[in-house]
Amino acid sequence: MADIKITVFDREGKEHNLEAPTDMGLNLMELCKASELPVLGTCGGMALCSTCHVYVKSDHDLPEMSEDEEAILDQAFFVDDDTSRLGCQLKLTDELDGLVVELAPDAD
């Protein structure tokens, strides 16, 4: 099984081209943390915080948002109703090959 490619723009606009396996059950937040990008993932991927908030820039057919994800984004800062997602809720699958995201600004 081949790795997928994900492009992440950090908060300074720098492009990071990442490769990720799809057979380990990882999500986008975990990939960003493993790549030492400034993503906190404070809640550990439980959709209880918004420290892995990203803007999806590519035209991918993403899984539906859960009620938990919607509720957290409803309380988050800098939300874009069309592109905001929680990285912890985006499982790395073959369908996400070529995904492009931008890290949302810190709430601090």
PDB file of N, CA and C in Angstrom:
ATOM      1  N   MET A   1       0.851  -1.175   0.000  1.00  0.00           N
ATOM      2  CA  MET A   1       0.000   0.000   0.000  1.00  0.00           C
ATOM      3  C   MET A   1       0.897   1.240   0.000  1.00  0.00           C
ATOM      4  N   ALA A   2       0.635   2.151  -0.902  1.00  0.00           N
ATOM      5  CA  ALA A   2       1.450   3.356  -1.030  1.00  0.00           C
ATOM      6  C   ALA A   2       0.982   4.430  -0.059  1.00  0.00           C
ATOM      7  N   ASP A   3       1.910   5.308   0.293  1.00  0.00           N
ATOM      8  CA  ASP A   3       1.572   6.444   1.137  1.00  0.00           C
ATOM      9  C   ASP A   3       0.785   7.469   0.325  1.00  0.00           C
ATOM     10  N   ILE A   4       0.008   8.297   1.036  1.00  0.00           N
ATOM     11  CA  ILE A   4      -0.682   9.410   0.390  1.00  0.00           C
ATOM     12  C   ILE A   4       0.105  10.684   0.646  1.00  0.00           C
ATOM     13  N   LYS A   5      -0.151  11.678  -0.175  1.00  0.00           N
ATOM     14  CA  LYS A   5       0.515  12.965  -0.043  1.00  0.00           C
ATOM     15  C   LYS A   5      -0.494  13.998   0.457  1.00  0.00           C
ATOM     16  N   ILE A   6      -0.070  14.761   1.468  1.00  0.00           N
ATOM     17  CA  ILE A   6      -0.887  15.810   2.062  1.00  0.00           C
ATOM     18  C   ILE A   6      -0.038  17.076   2.092  1.00  0.00           C
ATOM     19  N   THR A   7      -0.620  18.198   1.684  1.00  0.00           N
ATOM     20  CA  THR A   7       0.069  19.479   1.759  1.00  0.00           C
ATOM     21  C   THR A   7      -0.549  20.297   2.871  1.00  0.00           C
ATOM     22  N   VAL A   8       0.302  20.782   3.770  1.00  0.00           N
ATOM     23  CA  VAL A   8      -0.144  21.597   4.899  1.00  0.00           C
ATOM     24  C   VAL A   8       0.573  22.939   4.836  1.00  0.00           C
ATOM     25  N   PHE A   9      -0.201  24.012   4.848  1.00  0.00           N
ATOM     26  CA  PHE A   9       0.366  25.352   4.957  1.00  0.00           C
ATOM     27  C   PHE A   9       0.297  25.753   6.425  1.00  0.00           C
ATOM     28  N   ASP A  10       1.455  26.116   6.989  1.00  0.00           N
ATOM     29  CA  ASP A  10       1.460  26.501   8.398  1.00  0.00           C
ATOM     30  C   ASP A  10       0.937  27.931   8.559  1.00  0.00           C
ATOM     31  N   ARG A  11       0.954  28.446   9.760  1.00  0.00           N
ATOM     32  CA  ARG A  11       0.367  29.762  10.053  1.00  0.00           C
ATOM     33  C   ARG A  11       1.180  30.917   9.478  1.00  0.00           C
ATOM     34  N   GLU A  12       2.389  30.634   9.029  1.00  0.00           N
ATOM     35  CA  GLU A  12       3.207  31.660   8.376  1.00  0.00           C
ATOM     36  C   GLU A  12       3.127  31.542   6.857  1.00  0.00           C
ATOM     37  N   GLY A  13       2.336  30.588   6.372  1.00  0.00           N
ATOM     38  CA  GLY A  13       2.166  30.403   4.928  1.00  0.00           C
ATOM     39  C   GLY A  13       3.182  29.473   4.289  1.00  0.00           C
ATOM     40  N   LYS A  14       4.055  28.860   5.094  1.00  0.00           N
ATOM     41  CA  LYS A  14       5.042  27.931   4.549  1.00  0.00           C
ATOM     42  C   LYS A  14       4.381  26.596   4.206  1.00  0.00           C
ATOM     43  N   GLU A  15       4.733  26.090   3.048  1.00  0.00           N
ATOM     44  CA  GLU A  15       4.178  24.827   2.552  1.00  0.00           C
ATOM     45  C   GLU A  15       4.985  23.641   3.060  1.00  0.00           C
ATOM     46  N   HIS A  16       4.270  22.636   3.573  1.00  0.00           N
ATOM     47  CA  HIS A  16       4.889  21.399   4.035  1.00  0.00           C
ATOM     48  C   HIS A  16       4.258  20.246   3.260  1.00  0.00           C
ATOM     49  N   ASN A  17       5.065  19.535   2.497  1.00  0.00           N
ATOM     50  CA  ASN A  17       4.591  18.387   1.725  1.00  0.00           C
ATOM     51  C   ASN A  17       4.871  17.127   2.527  1.00  0.00           C
ATOM     52  N   LEU A  18       3.805  16.502   3.000  1.00  0.00           N
ATOM     53  CA  LEU A  18       3.920  15.347   3.890  1.00  0.00           C
ATOM     54  C   LEU A  18       3.468  14.080   3.185  1.00  0.00           C
ATOM     55  N   GLU A  19       4.043  12.972   3.603  1.00  0.00           N
ATOM     56  CA  GLU A  19       3.603  11.661   3.140  1.00  0.00           C
ATOM     57  C   GLU A  19       3.117  10.883   4.346  1.00  0.00           C
ATOM     58  N   ALA A  20       2.048  10.130   4.145  1.00  0.00           N
ATOM     59  CA  ALA A  20       1.454   9.424   5.279  1.00  0.00           C
ATOM     60  C   ALA A  20       0.935   8.056   4.854  1.00  0.00           C
ATOM     61  N   PRO A  21       1.124   7.072   5.736  1.00  0.00           N
ATOM     62  CA  PRO A  21       0.547   5.754   5.468  1.00  0.00           C
ATOM     63  C   PRO A  21      -0.950   5.777   5.760  1.00  0.00           C
ATOM     64  N   THR A  22      -1.675   4.935   5.076  1.00  0.00           N
ATOM     65  CA  THR A  22      -3.121   4.852   5.312  1.00  0.00           C
ATOM     66  C   THR A  22      -3.504   3.591   6.075  1.00  0.00           C
ATOM     67  N   ASP A  23      -2.518   2.785   6.411  1.00  0.00           N
ATOM     68  CA  ASP A  23      -2.811   1.506   7.060  1.00  0.00           C
ATOM     69  C   ASP A  23      -2.552   1.511   8.568  1.00  0.00           C
ATOM     70  N   MET A  24      -2.385   2.704   9.162  1.00  0.00           N
ATOM     71  CA  MET A  24      -2.083   2.777  10.588  1.00  0.00           C
ATOM     72  C   MET A  24      -3.202   3.428  11.400  1.00  0.00           C
ATOM     73  N   GLY A  25      -4.289   3.833  10.738  1.00  0.00           N
ATOM     74  CA  GLY A  25      -5.404   4.447  11.443  1.00  0.00           C
ATOM     75  C   GLY A  25      -5.120   5.853  11.941  1.00  0.00           C
ATOM     76  N   LEU A  26      -4.151   6.522  11.339  1.00  0.00           N
ATOM     77  CA  LEU A  26      -3.809   7.885  11.752  1.00  0.00           C
ATOM     78  C   LEU A  26      -4.820   8.900  11.247  1.00  0.00           C
ATOM     79  N   ASN A  27      -4.853  10.052  11.913  1.00  0.00           N
ATOM     80  CA  ASN A  27      -5.661  11.163  11.421  1.00  0.00           C
ATOM     81  C   ASN A  27      -4.735  12.332  11.101  1.00  0.00           C
ATOM     82  N   LEU A  28      -5.297  13.378  10.523  1.00  0.00           N
ATOM     83  CA  LEU A  28      -4.510  14.527  10.085  1.00  0.00           C
ATOM     84  C   LEU A  28      -3.801  15.212  11.249  1.00  0.00           C
ATOM     85  N   MET A  29      -4.445  15.319  12.393  1.00  0.00           N
ATOM     86  CA  MET A  29      -3.812  15.929  13.564  1.00  0.00           C
ATOM     87  C   MET A  29      -2.549  15.173  13.945  1.00  0.00           C
ATOM     88  N   GLU A  30      -2.623  13.848  13.986  1.00  0.00           N
ATOM     89  CA  GLU A  30      -1.473  13.031  14.353  1.00  0.00           C
ATOM     90  C   GLU A  30      -0.335  13.187  13.343  1.00  0.00           C
ATOM     91  N   LEU A  31      -0.675  13.274  12.067  1.00  0.00           N
ATOM     92  CA  LEU A  31       0.337  13.487  11.029  1.00  0.00           C
ATOM     93  C   LEU A  31       1.030  14.833  11.228  1.00  0.00           C
ATOM     94  N   CYS A  32       0.253  15.866  11.513  1.00  0.00           N
ATOM     95  CA  CYS A  32       0.830  17.199  11.730  1.00  0.00           C
ATOM     96  C   CYS A  32       1.744  17.208  12.947  1.00  0.00           C
ATOM     97  N   LYS A  33       1.305  16.577  14.026  1.00  0.00           N
ATOM     98  CA  LYS A  33       2.133  16.520  15.234  1.00  0.00           C
ATOM     99  C   LYS A  33       3.419  15.728  14.972  1.00  0.00           C
ATOM    100  N   ALA A  34       3.320  14.613  14.290  1.00  0.00           N
ATOM    101  CA  ALA A  34       4.492  13.793  13.984  1.00  0.00           C
ATOM    102  C   ALA A  34       5.466  14.538  13.070  1.00  0.00           C
ATOM    103  N   SER A  35       4.951  15.469  12.296  1.00  0.00           N
ATOM    104  CA  SER A  35       5.776  16.266  11.386  1.00  0.00           C
ATOM    105  C   SER A  35       6.254  17.554  12.042  1.00  0.00           C
ATOM    106  N   GLU A  36       6.016  17.667  13.346  1.00  0.00           N
ATOM    107  CA  GLU A  36       6.441  18.798  14.161  1.00  0.00           C
ATOM    108  C   GLU A  36       5.858  20.132  13.710  1.00  0.00           C
ATOM    109  N   LEU A  37       4.637  20.083  13.204  1.00  0.00           N
ATOM    110  CA  LEU A  37       3.906  21.315  12.896  1.00  0.00           C
ATOM    111  C   LEU A  37       3.229  21.800  14.173  1.00  0.00           C
ATOM    112  N   PRO A  38       2.932  23.094  14.283  1.00  0.00           N
ATOM    113  CA  PRO A  38       2.381  23.640  15.527  1.00  0.00           C
ATOM    114  C   PRO A  38       0.895  23.329  15.729  1.00  0.00           C
ATOM    115  N   VAL A  39       0.602  22.060  15.887  1.00  0.00           N
ATOM    116  CA  VAL A  39      -0.754  21.586  16.159  1.00  0.00           C
ATOM    117  C   VAL A  39      -0.721  20.942  17.536  1.00  0.00           C
ATOM    118  N   LEU A  40      -1.548  21.434  18.452  1.00  0.00           N
ATOM    119  CA  LEU A  40      -1.495  20.936  19.825  1.00  0.00           C
ATOM    120  C   LEU A  40      -2.226  19.619  20.019  1.00  0.00           C
ATOM    121  N   GLY A  41      -3.441  19.503  19.504  1.00  0.00           N
ATOM    122  CA  GLY A  41      -4.208  18.288  19.731  1.00  0.00           C
ATOM    123  C   GLY A  41      -4.419  18.039  21.211  1.00  0.00           C
ATOM    124  N   THR A  42      -4.775  19.090  21.924  1.00  0.00           N
ATOM    125  CA  THR A  42      -4.879  19.066  23.380  1.00  0.00           C
ATOM    126  C   THR A  42      -5.753  17.929  23.903  1.00  0.00           C
ATOM    127  N   CYS A  43      -6.853  17.645  23.225  1.00  0.00           N
ATOM    128  CA  CYS A  43      -7.787  16.623  23.716  1.00  0.00           C
ATOM    129  C   CYS A  43      -7.407  15.213  23.260  1.00  0.00           C
ATOM    130  N   GLY A  44      -6.327  15.094  22.500  1.00  0.00           N
ATOM    131  CA  GLY A  44      -5.880  13.776  22.056  1.00  0.00           C
ATOM    132  C   GLY A  44      -6.698  13.196  20.919  1.00  0.00           C
ATOM    133  N   GLY A  45      -7.444  14.022  20.217  1.00  0.00           N
ATOM    134  CA  GLY A  45      -8.200  13.547  19.066  1.00  0.00           C
ATOM    135  C   GLY A  45      -9.630  13.153  19.353  1.00  0.00           C
ATOM    136  N   MET A  46     -10.181  13.639  20.442  1.00  0.00           N
ATOM    137  CA  MET A  46     -11.539  13.280  20.844  1.00  0.00           C
ATOM    138  C   MET A  46     -12.601  14.289  20.393  1.00  0.00           C
ATOM    139  N   ALA A  47     -12.225  15.272  19.573  1.00  0.00           N
ATOM    140  CA  ALA A  47     -13.141  16.336  19.126  1.00  0.00           C
ATOM    141  C   ALA A  47     -13.709  17.114  20.311  1.00  0.00           C
ATOM    142  N   LEU A  48     -12.832  17.393  21.290  1.00  0.00           N
ATOM    143  CA  LEU A  48     -13.246  18.140  22.471  1.00  0.00           C
ATOM    144  C   LEU A  48     -12.606  19.520  22.552  1.00  0.00           C
ATOM    145  N   CYS A  49     -11.703  19.817  21.645  1.00  0.00           N
ATOM    146  CA  CYS A  49     -11.076  21.137  21.603  1.00  0.00           C
ATOM    147  C   CYS A  49     -10.971  21.524  20.124  1.00  0.00           C
ATOM    148  N   SER A  50     -10.374  22.625  19.840  1.00  0.00           N
ATOM    149  CA  SER A  50     -10.222  22.998  18.425  1.00  0.00           C
ATOM    150  C   SER A  50      -8.771  23.328  18.109  1.00  0.00           C
ATOM    151  N   THR A  51      -7.835  22.716  18.839  1.00  0.00           N
ATOM    152  CA  THR A  51      -6.427  23.027  18.629  1.00  0.00           C
ATOM    153  C   THR A  51      -5.825  22.330  17.406  1.00  0.00           C
ATOM    154  N   CYS A  52      -6.630  21.607  16.662  1.00  0.00           N
ATOM    155  CA  CYS A  52      -6.187  21.002  15.395  1.00  0.00           C
ATOM    156  C   CYS A  52      -7.046  21.511  14.230  1.00  0.00           C
ATOM    157  N   HIS A  53      -7.661  22.667  14.427  1.00  0.00           N
ATOM    158  CA  HIS A  53      -8.544  23.286  13.428  1.00  0.00           C
ATOM    159  C   HIS A  53      -7.751  23.618  12.158  1.00  0.00           C
ATOM    160  N   VAL A  54      -8.287  23.187  11.020  1.00  0.00           N
ATOM    161  CA  VAL A  54      -7.677  23.467   9.714  1.00  0.00           C
ATOM    162  C   VAL A  54      -8.737  23.977   8.753  1.00  0.00           C
ATOM    163  N   TYR A  55      -8.241  24.623   7.691  1.00  0.00           N
ATOM    164  CA  TYR A  55      -9.086  25.005   6.561  1.00  0.00           C
ATOM    165  C   TYR A  55      -8.739  24.079   5.407  1.00  0.00           C
ATOM    166  N   VAL A  56      -9.722  23.400   4.856  1.00  0.00           N
ATOM    167  CA  VAL A  56      -9.503  22.506   3.714  1.00  0.00           C
ATOM    168  C   VAL A  56      -9.505  23.352   2.453  1.00  0.00           C
ATOM    169  N   LYS A  57      -8.387  23.326   1.721  1.00  0.00           N
ATOM    170  CA  LYS A  57      -8.208  24.158   0.532  1.00  0.00           C
ATOM    171  C   LYS A  57      -8.434  23.396  -0.768  1.00  0.00           C
ATOM    172  N   SER A  58      -8.392  22.086  -0.722  1.00  0.00           N
ATOM    173  CA  SER A  58      -8.581  21.285  -1.934  1.00  0.00           C
ATOM    174  C   SER A  58     -10.028  20.827  -2.029  1.00  0.00           C
ATOM    175  N   ASP A  59     -10.380  20.363  -3.202  1.00  0.00           N
ATOM    176  CA  ASP A  59     -11.755  19.933  -3.465  1.00  0.00           C
ATOM    177  C   ASP A  59     -11.860  18.418  -3.270  1.00  0.00           C
ATOM    178  N   HIS A  60     -11.885  18.003  -2.015  1.00  0.00           N
ATOM    179  CA  HIS A  60     -12.002  16.580  -1.680  1.00  0.00           C
ATOM    180  C   HIS A  60     -13.392  16.309  -1.116  1.00  0.00           C
ATOM    181  N   ASP A  61     -13.880  15.126  -1.403  1.00  0.00           N
ATOM    182  CA  ASP A  61     -15.147  14.683  -0.832  1.00  0.00           C
ATOM    183  C   ASP A  61     -14.846  14.108   0.547  1.00  0.00           C
ATOM    184  N   LEU A  62     -15.033  14.934   1.580  1.00  0.00           N
ATOM    185  CA  LEU A  62     -14.683  14.545   2.942  1.00  0.00           C
ATOM    186  C   LEU A  62     -15.850  13.846   3.634  1.00  0.00           C
ATOM    187  N   PRO A  63     -15.547  13.045   4.642  1.00  0.00           N
ATOM    188  CA  PRO A  63     -16.625  12.420   5.420  1.00  0.00           C
ATOM    189  C   PRO A  63     -17.477  13.492   6.099  1.00  0.00           C
ATOM    190  N   GLU A  64     -18.723  13.172   6.337  1.00  0.00           N
ATOM    191  CA  GLU A  64     -19.629  14.098   7.031  1.00  0.00           C
ATOM    192  C   GLU A  64     -19.074  14.430   8.406  1.00  0.00           C
ATOM    193  N   MET A  65     -19.346  15.641   8.845  1.00  0.00           N
ATOM    194  CA  MET A  65     -18.948  16.055  10.186  1.00  0.00           C
ATOM    195  C   MET A  65     -19.841  15.387  11.215  1.00  0.00           C
ATOM    196  N   SER A  66     -19.240  14.940  12.296  1.00  0.00           N
ATOM    197  CA  SER A  66     -20.034  14.394  13.396  1.00  0.00           C
ATOM    198  C   SER A  66     -20.666  15.553  14.167  1.00  0.00           C
ATOM    199  N   GLU A  67     -21.639  15.229  14.998  1.00  0.00           N
ATOM    200  CA  GLU A  67     -22.259  16.255  15.840  1.00  0.00           C
ATOM    201  C   GLU A  67     -21.231  16.869  16.790  1.00  0.00           C
ATOM    202  N   ASP A  68     -20.315  16.048  17.301  1.00  0.00           N
ATOM    203  CA  ASP A  68     -19.280  16.548  18.202  1.00  0.00           C
ATOM    204  C   ASP A  68     -18.378  17.557  17.493  1.00  0.00           C
ATOM    205  N   GLU A  69     -17.966  17.222  16.275  1.00  0.00           N
ATOM    206  CA  GLU A  69     -17.102  18.139  15.518  1.00  0.00           C
ATOM    207  C   GLU A  69     -17.824  19.452  15.238  1.00  0.00           C
ATOM    208  N   GLU A  70     -19.077  19.361  14.822  1.00  0.00           N
ATOM    209  CA  GLU A  70     -19.861  20.573  14.573  1.00  0.00           C
ATOM    210  C   GLU A  70     -19.985  21.425  15.826  1.00  0.00           C
ATOM    211  N   ALA A  71     -20.225  20.789  16.972  1.00  0.00           N
ATOM    212  CA  ALA A  71     -20.394  21.524  18.227  1.00  0.00           C
ATOM    213  C   ALA A  71     -19.112  22.253  18.629  1.00  0.00           C
ATOM    214  N   ILE A  72     -17.971  21.600  18.461  1.00  0.00           N
ATOM    215  CA  ILE A  72     -16.700  22.241  18.818  1.00  0.00           C
ATOM    216  C   ILE A  72     -16.397  23.380  17.860  1.00  0.00           C
ATOM    217  N   LEU A  73     -16.605  23.176  16.573  1.00  0.00           N
ATOM    218  CA  LEU A  73     -16.342  24.252  15.614  1.00  0.00           C
ATOM    219  C   LEU A  73     -17.299  25.422  15.831  1.00  0.00           C
ATOM    220  N   ASP A  74     -18.470  25.131  16.342  1.00  0.00           N
ATOM    221  CA  ASP A  74     -19.438  26.183  16.647  1.00  0.00           C
ATOM    222  C   ASP A  74     -18.909  27.124  17.730  1.00  0.00           C
ATOM    223  N   GLN A  75     -18.013  26.630  18.570  1.00  0.00           N
ATOM    224  CA  GLN A  75     -17.451  27.420  19.661  1.00  0.00           C
ATOM    225  C   GLN A  75     -16.033  27.921  19.375  1.00  0.00           C
ATOM    226  N   ALA A  76     -15.453  27.501  18.255  1.00  0.00           N
ATOM    227  CA  ALA A  76     -14.064  27.843  17.949  1.00  0.00           C
ATOM    228  C   ALA A  76     -13.946  29.248  17.362  1.00  0.00           C
ATOM    229  N   PHE A  77     -12.729  29.753  17.384  1.00  0.00           N
ATOM    230  CA  PHE A  77     -12.414  31.037  16.771  1.00  0.00           C
ATOM    231  C   PHE A  77     -12.025  30.828  15.312  1.00  0.00           C
ATOM    232  N   PHE A  78     -12.196  31.858  14.499  1.00  0.00           N
ATOM    233  CA  PHE A  78     -11.726  31.893  13.110  1.00  0.00           C
ATOM    234  C   PHE A  78     -12.320  30.784  12.240  1.00  0.00           C
ATOM    235  N   VAL A  79     -13.567  30.432  12.475  1.00  0.00           N
ATOM    236  CA  VAL A  79     -14.216  29.354  11.719  1.00  0.00           C
ATOM    237  C   VAL A  79     -14.698  29.867  10.371  1.00  0.00           C
ATOM    238  N   ASP A  80     -14.444  29.085   9.352  1.00  0.00           N
ATOM    239  CA  ASP A  80     -14.984  29.323   8.022  1.00  0.00           C
ATOM    240  C   ASP A  80     -15.988  28.206   7.778  1.00  0.00           C
ATOM    241  N   ASP A  81     -17.249  28.563   7.674  1.00  0.00           N
ATOM    242  CA  ASP A  81     -18.311  27.547   7.574  1.00  0.00           C
ATOM    243  C   ASP A  81     -18.116  26.583   6.412  1.00  0.00           C
ATOM    244  N   ASP A  82     -17.428  27.018   5.355  1.00  0.00           N
ATOM    245  CA  ASP A  82     -17.270  26.173   4.177  1.00  0.00           C
ATOM    246  C   ASP A  82     -16.037  25.265   4.227  1.00  0.00           C
ATOM    247  N   THR A  83     -14.993  25.678   4.960  1.00  0.00           N
ATOM    248  CA  THR A  83     -13.734  24.939   4.869  1.00  0.00           C
ATOM    249  C   THR A  83     -13.184  24.441   6.193  1.00  0.00           C
ATOM    250  N   SER A  84     -13.724  24.869   7.327  1.00  0.00           N
ATOM    251  CA  SER A  84     -13.183  24.472   8.627  1.00  0.00           C
ATOM    252  C   SER A  84     -13.486  23.011   8.956  1.00  0.00           C
ATOM    253  N   ARG A  85     -12.443  22.337   9.436  1.00  0.00           N
ATOM    254  CA  ARG A  85     -12.579  20.966   9.944  1.00  0.00           C
ATOM    255  C   ARG A  85     -11.603  20.772  11.087  1.00  0.00           C
ATOM    256  N   LEU A  86     -11.849  19.771  11.903  1.00  0.00           N
ATOM    257  CA  LEU A  86     -10.891  19.380  12.928  1.00  0.00           C
ATOM    258  C   LEU A  86     -10.007  18.287  12.347  1.00  0.00           C
ATOM    259  N   GLY A  87      -8.709  18.511  12.412  1.00  0.00           N
ATOM    260  CA  GLY A  87      -7.770  17.539  11.855  1.00  0.00           C
ATOM    261  C   GLY A  87      -7.898  16.165  12.477  1.00  0.00           C
ATOM    262  N   CYS A  88      -8.277  16.125  13.759  1.00  0.00           N
ATOM    263  CA  CYS A  88      -8.400  14.835  14.443  1.00  0.00           C
ATOM    264  C   CYS A  88      -9.554  14.002  13.911  1.00  0.00           C
ATOM    265  N   GLN A  89     -10.455  14.628  13.195  1.00  0.00           N
ATOM    266  CA  GLN A  89     -11.618  13.916  12.678  1.00  0.00           C
ATOM    267  C   GLN A  89     -11.462  13.503  11.214  1.00  0.00           C
ATOM    268  N   LEU A  90     -10.307  13.806  10.638  1.00  0.00           N
ATOM    269  CA  LEU A  90     -10.031  13.433   9.252  1.00  0.00           C
ATOM    270  C   LEU A  90      -9.045  12.271   9.232  1.00  0.00           C
ATOM    271  N   LYS A  91      -9.589  11.056   9.146  1.00  0.00           N
ATOM    272  CA  LYS A  91      -8.766   9.851   9.092  1.00  0.00           C
ATOM    273  C   LYS A  91      -8.023   9.804   7.759  1.00  0.00           C
ATOM    274  N   LEU A  92      -6.768   9.404   7.802  1.00  0.00           N
ATOM    275  CA  LEU A  92      -5.953   9.335   6.599  1.00  0.00           C
ATOM    276  C   LEU A  92      -6.307   8.086   5.805  1.00  0.00           C
ATOM    277  N   THR A  93      -6.979   8.305   4.693  1.00  0.00           N
ATOM    278  CA  THR A  93      -7.405   7.227   3.800  1.00  0.00           C
ATOM    279  C   THR A  93      -6.923   7.538   2.391  1.00  0.00           C
ATOM    280  N   ASP A  94      -6.987   6.549   1.520  1.00  0.00           N
ATOM    281  CA  ASP A  94      -6.572   6.748   0.130  1.00  0.00           C
ATOM    282  C   ASP A  94      -7.333   7.900  -0.527  1.00  0.00           C
ATOM    283  N   GLU A  95      -8.578   8.115  -0.112  1.00  0.00           N
ATOM    284  CA  GLU A  95      -9.406   9.177  -0.697  1.00  0.00           C
ATOM    285  C   GLU A  95      -8.871  10.575  -0.383  1.00  0.00           C
ATOM    286  N   LEU A  96      -8.011  10.694   0.632  1.00  0.00           N
ATOM    287  CA  LEU A  96      -7.454  12.006   0.987  1.00  0.00           C
ATOM    288  C   LEU A  96      -6.126  12.300   0.303  1.00  0.00           C
ATOM    289  N   ASP A  97      -5.687  11.419  -0.609  1.00  0.00           N
ATOM    290  CA  ASP A  97      -4.453  11.674  -1.346  1.00  0.00           C
ATOM    291  C   ASP A  97      -4.563  13.014  -2.067  1.00  0.00           C
ATOM    292  N   GLY A  98      -3.573  13.879  -1.875  1.00  0.00           N
ATOM    293  CA  GLY A  98      -3.575  15.191  -2.510  1.00  0.00           C
ATOM    294  C   GLY A  98      -4.276  16.277  -1.706  1.00  0.00           C
ATOM    295  N   LEU A  99      -4.745  15.946  -0.520  1.00  0.00           N
ATOM    296  CA  LEU A  99      -5.432  16.921   0.328  1.00  0.00           C
ATOM    297  C   LEU A  99      -4.526  18.113   0.609  1.00  0.00           C
ATOM    298  N   VAL A 100      -5.111  19.313   0.575  1.00  0.00           N
ATOM    299  CA  VAL A 100      -4.388  20.540   0.899  1.00  0.00           C
ATOM    300  C   VAL A 100      -5.153  21.230   2.011  1.00  0.00           C
ATOM    301  N   VAL A 101      -4.452  21.536   3.102  1.00  0.00           N
ATOM    302  CA  VAL A 101      -5.063  22.235   4.232  1.00  0.00           C
ATOM    303  C   VAL A 101      -4.161  23.368   4.693  1.00  0.00           C
ATOM    304  N   GLU A 102      -4.767  24.296   5.410  1.00  0.00           N
ATOM    305  CA  GLU A 102      -4.037  25.393   6.047  1.00  0.00           C
ATOM    306  C   GLU A 102      -4.387  25.374   7.527  1.00  0.00           C
ATOM    307  N   LEU A 103      -3.382  25.504   8.386  1.00  0.00           N
ATOM    308  CA  LEU A 103      -3.645  25.559   9.824  1.00  0.00           C
ATOM    309  C   LEU A 103      -4.373  26.855  10.154  1.00  0.00           C
ATOM    310  N   ALA A 104      -5.445  26.728  10.895  1.00  0.00           N
ATOM    311  CA  ALA A 104      -6.193  27.915  11.323  1.00  0.00           C
ATOM    312  C   ALA A 104      -5.363  28.692  12.339  1.00  0.00           C
ATOM    313  N   PRO A 105      -5.597  29.995  12.463  1.00  0.00           N
ATOM    314  CA  PRO A 105      -4.846  30.784  13.453  1.00  0.00           C
ATOM    315  C   PRO A 105      -5.089  30.273  14.865  1.00  0.00           C
ATOM    316  N   ASP A 106      -4.084  30.494  15.717  1.00  0.00           N
ATOM    317  CA  ASP A 106      -4.226  30.181  17.139  1.00  0.00           C
ATOM    318  C   ASP A 106      -5.277  31.092  17.741  1.00  0.00           C
ATOM    319  N   ALA A 107      -6.008  30.592  18.719  1.00  0.00           N
ATOM    320  CA  ALA A 107      -7.014  31.403  19.410  1.00  0.00           C
ATOM    321  C   ALA A 107      -6.367  32.365  20.397  1.00  0.00           C
ATOM    322  N   ASP A 108      -5.074  32.159  20.714  1.00  0.00           N
ATOM    323  CA  ASP A 108      -4.397  33.010  21.705  1.00  0.00           C
ATOM    324  C   ASP A 108      -4.052  34.363  21.131  1.00  0.00           C
TER     325      ASP A 108
END
